[in-house]
Every structure is written in structure tokens, then in C-alpha cells.
Amino acid sequence: MKRGNTDTAPTRPTRMDEPEAVDDWPHRPFSPAEASALLDDIDGAVAVWVMHYDNDVRSAVVLDDAPEDAVIDIVVETDAAFEMYSYTSGVWMDYGTQRKDDPDAPPMAGTLDSYDVLAGESETA
């Protein structure tokens, strides 16, 4: 599950319209502990952000028997970027990376308003 270092690896541009499946992640939502572990699993990670949905949204995305604290949307903040992942249709999807130093990228502050830091210490919060 180890992913590349965003400081030196080529940037995976955001691909909101064409996300790619994350093949080595489980085909189910993460537990909070599994999501927290991404802090150690992803090179350069400084914080793991998770979105908390209301029950109507959760019931459309996760199975009835999923734990109430199941994690289905994650932003991993690294030293240099934000990596975005979402669980949908039984698979984790990689929505790409938004570099912090990209002047043309929309600010992440608005997006992260819907998220809470689960693990680590954000440089943005």
C-alpha cells in the first residue's frame, strides 16, 4: 500500500472526471484505524483528512452492515501536495494529486472545510 513520495515523484494530476482504481486497497470502506495508518503508508504524509457524511449519503455509498464510523472519503496531505481518494461502487478511486505550490490549482481550503484531520498534523488546518 506504500505510495510514492510526492516531493520527487511525477505529479499525478487531479483527475476528477477520470479517477483510477486503487488496486491494492480493500474493496470496502476503511476503518478509522486503517485510514490513520495511511500516515505511515504514504511517503511524506503529514496528515490524513476524512469526510464525515450524514446518514442519507452514507446509506447510498456503503453497505447496510458497514460500521457507522466507516471511512469513505480521504485526503492525504503530504509535505508537497494533497492526494484525494474516495470509496465508490465497491472500489477505492484515486482522484489524483493537487500540489500545494501549483498557482493554477483551486485552493484546498474550501474542500477541506468538509473534512476533519483524523491523523497527523496538517500544515493547512
C-alpha atoms as a PDB file:
ATOM      1  CA  MET A   1       0.000   0.000   0.000  1.00  0.00           C
ATOM      2  CA  LYS A   2       3.056   2.264   0.077  1.00  0.00           C
ATOM      3  CA  ARG A   3       2.710   5.045  -2.444  1.00  0.00           C
ATOM      4  CA  GLY A   4       5.329   7.326  -3.985  1.00  0.00           C
ATOM      5  CA  ASN A   5       6.944  10.375  -2.475  1.00  0.00           C
ATOM      6  CA  THR A   6       5.161  13.418  -3.886  1.00  0.00           C
ATOM      7  CA  ASP A   7       8.260  15.566  -3.399  1.00  0.00           C
ATOM      8  CA  THR A   8      10.238  13.749  -6.079  1.00  0.00           C
ATOM      9  CA  ALA A   9       7.748  11.562  -7.945  1.00  0.00           C
ATOM     10  CA  PRO A  10       5.948  12.840 -11.017  1.00  0.00           C
ATOM     11  CA  THR A  11       2.711  14.524 -10.038  1.00  0.00           C
ATOM     12  CA  ARG A  12      -0.458  12.563 -10.607  1.00  0.00           C
ATOM     13  CA  PRO A  13      -2.638  15.426 -11.793  1.00  0.00           C
ATOM     14  CA  THR A  14      -6.120  15.697 -10.400  1.00  0.00           C
ATOM     15  CA  ARG A  15      -8.484  13.645 -12.482  1.00  0.00           C
ATOM     16  CA  MET A  16     -11.878  14.354 -11.064  1.00  0.00           C
ATOM     17  CA  ASP A  17     -13.555  13.251 -14.309  1.00  0.00           C
ATOM     18  CA  GLU A  18     -11.435  10.122 -14.797  1.00  0.00           C
ATOM     19  CA  PRO A  19     -10.319   8.680 -11.448  1.00  0.00           C
ATOM     20  CA  GLU A  20      -8.312   5.451 -11.365  1.00  0.00           C
ATOM     21  CA  ALA A  21      -8.986   2.436  -9.151  1.00  0.00           C
ATOM     22  CA  VAL A  22      -6.548   1.829  -6.302  1.00  0.00           C
ATOM     23  CA  ASP A  23      -5.894  -1.869  -6.881  1.00  0.00           C
ATOM     24  CA  ASP A  24      -4.030  -2.607  -3.661  1.00  0.00           C
ATOM     25  CA  TRP A  25      -6.664  -1.177  -1.299  1.00  0.00           C
ATOM     26  CA  PRO A  26      -9.528  -3.289   0.098  1.00  0.00           C
ATOM     27  CA  HIS A  27     -12.880  -3.380  -1.709  1.00  0.00           C
ATOM     28  CA  ARG A  28     -14.697  -1.965   1.301  1.00  0.00           C
ATOM     29  CA  PRO A  29     -14.609   1.246   3.328  1.00  0.00           C
ATOM     30  CA  PHE A  30     -11.641   1.761   5.642  1.00  0.00           C
ATOM     31  CA  SER A  31     -11.946   1.699   9.396  1.00  0.00           C
ATOM     32  CA  PRO A  32     -10.639   4.834  11.125  1.00  0.00           C
ATOM     33  CA  ALA A  33      -7.547   2.826  12.182  1.00  0.00           C
ATOM     34  CA  GLU A  34      -6.848   1.772   8.570  1.00  0.00           C
ATOM     35  CA  ALA A  35      -7.267   5.345   7.358  1.00  0.00           C
ATOM     36  CA  SER A  36      -4.938   6.587  10.121  1.00  0.00           C
ATOM     37  CA  ALA A  37      -2.327   4.036   9.016  1.00  0.00           C
ATOM     38  CA  LEU A  38      -2.027   5.869   5.684  1.00  0.00           C
ATOM     39  CA  LEU A  39       0.049   8.412   7.601  1.00  0.00           C
ATOM     40  CA  ASP A  40       2.811   5.778   7.741  1.00  0.00           C
ATOM     41  CA  ASP A  41       1.981   4.037   4.455  1.00  0.00           C
ATOM     42  CA  ILE A  42       2.225   7.032   2.120  1.00  0.00           C
ATOM     43  CA  ASP A  43       5.659   8.616   1.756  1.00  0.00           C
ATOM     44  CA  GLY A  44       5.799  12.189   3.010  1.00  0.00           C
ATOM     45  CA  ALA A  45       2.316  12.122   4.587  1.00  0.00           C
ATOM     46  CA  VAL A  46       1.790  14.704   7.324  1.00  0.00           C
ATOM     47  CA  ALA A  47      -1.988  14.379   7.839  1.00  0.00           C
ATOM     48  CA  VAL A  48      -4.934  12.167   6.926  1.00  0.00           C
ATOM     49  CA  TRP A  49      -8.217  14.012   6.443  1.00  0.00           C
ATOM     50  CA  VAL A  50     -11.596  12.212   6.354  1.00  0.00           C
ATOM     51  CA  MET A  51     -15.039  13.433   5.408  1.00  0.00           C
ATOM     52  CA  HIS A  52     -17.937  12.693   7.697  1.00  0.00           C
ATOM     53  CA  TYR A  53     -21.194  12.208   5.823  1.00  0.00           C
ATOM     54  CA  ASP A  54     -24.735  12.399   7.066  1.00  0.00           C
ATOM     55  CA  ASN A  55     -26.735   9.145   7.177  1.00  0.00           C
ATOM     56  CA  ASP A  56     -28.530   9.732   3.843  1.00  0.00           C
ATOM     57  CA  VAL A  57     -25.275   9.988   1.905  1.00  0.00           C
ATOM     58  CA  ARG A  58     -23.648   7.122   3.813  1.00  0.00           C
ATOM     59  CA  SER A  59     -26.573   4.783   3.140  1.00  0.00           C
ATOM     60  CA  ALA A  60     -26.214   5.367  -0.606  1.00  0.00           C
ATOM     61  CA  VAL A  61     -22.464   4.645  -0.583  1.00  0.00           C
ATOM     62  CA  VAL A  62     -21.776   1.920   1.986  1.00  0.00           C
ATOM     63  CA  LEU A  63     -23.401  -1.429   2.684  1.00  0.00           C
ATOM     64  CA  ASP A  64     -26.028  -1.738   5.387  1.00  0.00           C
ATOM     65  CA  ASP A  65     -23.689  -3.809   7.554  1.00  0.00           C
ATOM     66  CA  ALA A  66     -20.781  -1.342   7.366  1.00  0.00           C
ATOM     67  CA  PRO A  67     -19.700   0.164  10.685  1.00  0.00           C
ATOM     68  CA  GLU A  68     -21.079   3.596  11.424  1.00  0.00           C
ATOM     69  CA  ASP A  69     -17.551   5.035  11.514  1.00  0.00           C
ATOM     70  CA  ALA A  70     -16.563   3.590   8.107  1.00  0.00           C
ATOM     71  CA  VAL A  71     -14.285   5.974   6.184  1.00  0.00           C
ATOM     72  CA  ILE A  72     -15.296   6.563   2.555  1.00  0.00           C
ATOM     73  CA  ASP A  73     -13.522   9.793   1.577  1.00  0.00           C
ATOM     74  CA  ILE A  74      -9.866  10.556   2.317  1.00  0.00           C
ATOM     75  CA  VAL A  75      -7.431  13.358   1.571  1.00  0.00           C
ATOM     76  CA  VAL A  76      -3.822  12.561   2.436  1.00  0.00           C
ATOM     77  CA  GLU A  77      -1.807  15.719   2.940  1.00  0.00           C
ATOM     78  CA  THR A  78       1.895  15.347   2.214  1.00  0.00           C
ATOM     79  CA  ASP A  79       4.698  17.862   2.502  1.00  0.00           C
ATOM     80  CA  ALA A  80       4.089  18.934  -1.093  1.00  0.00           C
ATOM     81  CA  ALA A  81       0.545  18.003  -2.092  1.00  0.00           C
ATOM     82  CA  PHE A  82      -2.924  16.650  -1.371  1.00  0.00           C
ATOM     83  CA  GLU A  83      -3.802  13.131  -2.571  1.00  0.00           C
ATOM     84  CA  MET A  84      -7.537  12.514  -2.952  1.00  0.00           C
ATOM     85  CA  TYR A  85      -9.314   9.158  -2.625  1.00  0.00           C
ATOM     86  CA  SER A  86     -12.965   8.121  -2.484  1.00  0.00           C
ATOM     87  CA  TYR A  87     -14.739   4.799  -1.999  1.00  0.00           C
ATOM     88  CA  THR A  88     -17.459   4.318  -4.598  1.00  0.00           C
ATOM     89  CA  SER A  89     -19.196   1.335  -6.204  1.00  0.00           C
ATOM     90  CA  GLY A  90     -17.179  -1.089  -4.083  1.00  0.00           C
ATOM     91  CA  VAL A  91     -13.741   0.266  -5.045  1.00  0.00           C
ATOM     92  CA  TRP A  92     -11.342   2.931  -3.797  1.00  0.00           C
ATOM     93  CA  MET A  93     -10.723   5.524  -6.507  1.00  0.00           C
ATOM     94  CA  ASP A  94      -7.669   7.782  -6.798  1.00  0.00           C
ATOM     95  CA  TYR A  95      -8.686  11.281  -7.862  1.00  0.00           C
ATOM     96  CA  GLY A  96      -5.108  12.430  -8.286  1.00  0.00           C
ATOM     97  CA  THR A  97      -2.784  14.864  -6.580  1.00  0.00           C
ATOM     98  CA  GLN A  98      -3.004  18.603  -6.187  1.00  0.00           C
ATOM     99  CA  ARG A  99       0.379  20.140  -5.486  1.00  0.00           C
ATOM    100  CA  LYS A 100       0.493  22.834  -2.815  1.00  0.00           C
ATOM    101  CA  ASP A 101       2.748  25.037  -4.957  1.00  0.00           C
ATOM    102  CA  ASP A 102       0.516  24.951  -8.074  1.00  0.00           C
ATOM    103  CA  PRO A 103      -0.652  28.550  -8.614  1.00  0.00           C
ATOM    104  CA  ASP A 104      -3.316  27.406 -11.105  1.00  0.00           C
ATOM    105  CA  ALA A 105      -4.941  24.867  -8.772  1.00  0.00           C
ATOM    106  CA  PRO A 106      -8.054  25.818  -6.831  1.00  0.00           C
ATOM    107  CA  PRO A 107      -7.396  26.283  -3.105  1.00  0.00           C
ATOM    108  CA  MET A 108      -7.992  23.193  -0.972  1.00  0.00           C
ATOM    109  CA  ALA A 109      -9.330  25.224   1.960  1.00  0.00           C
ATOM    110  CA  GLY A 110     -12.912  25.086   0.675  1.00  0.00           C
ATOM    111  CA  THR A 111     -12.720  21.346   0.090  1.00  0.00           C
ATOM    112  CA  LEU A 112     -11.150  20.646   3.467  1.00  0.00           C
ATOM    113  CA  ASP A 113     -13.915  22.559   5.268  1.00  0.00           C
ATOM    114  CA  SER A 114     -15.952  19.337   4.919  1.00  0.00           C
ATOM    115  CA  TYR A 115     -13.143  17.180   6.351  1.00  0.00           C
ATOM    116  CA  ASP A 116     -11.559  16.599   9.754  1.00  0.00           C
ATOM    117  CA  VAL A 117      -7.949  15.634  10.466  1.00  0.00           C
ATOM    118  CA  LEU A 118      -8.011  12.011  11.608  1.00  0.00           C
ATOM    119  CA  ALA A 119      -4.256  11.509  11.995  1.00  0.00           C
ATOM    120  CA  GLY A 120      -1.115  13.623  11.896  1.00  0.00           C
ATOM    121  CA  GLU A 121      -0.739  17.380  11.936  1.00  0.00           C
ATOM    122  CA  SER A 122      -1.921  19.388   8.975  1.00  0.00           C
ATOM    123  CA  GLU A 123       0.096  22.277   7.629  1.00  0.00           C
ATOM    124  CA  THR A 124      -3.190  23.688   6.312  1.00  0.00           C
ATOM    125  CA  ALA A 125      -5.619  23.384   9.237  1.00  0.00           C
END
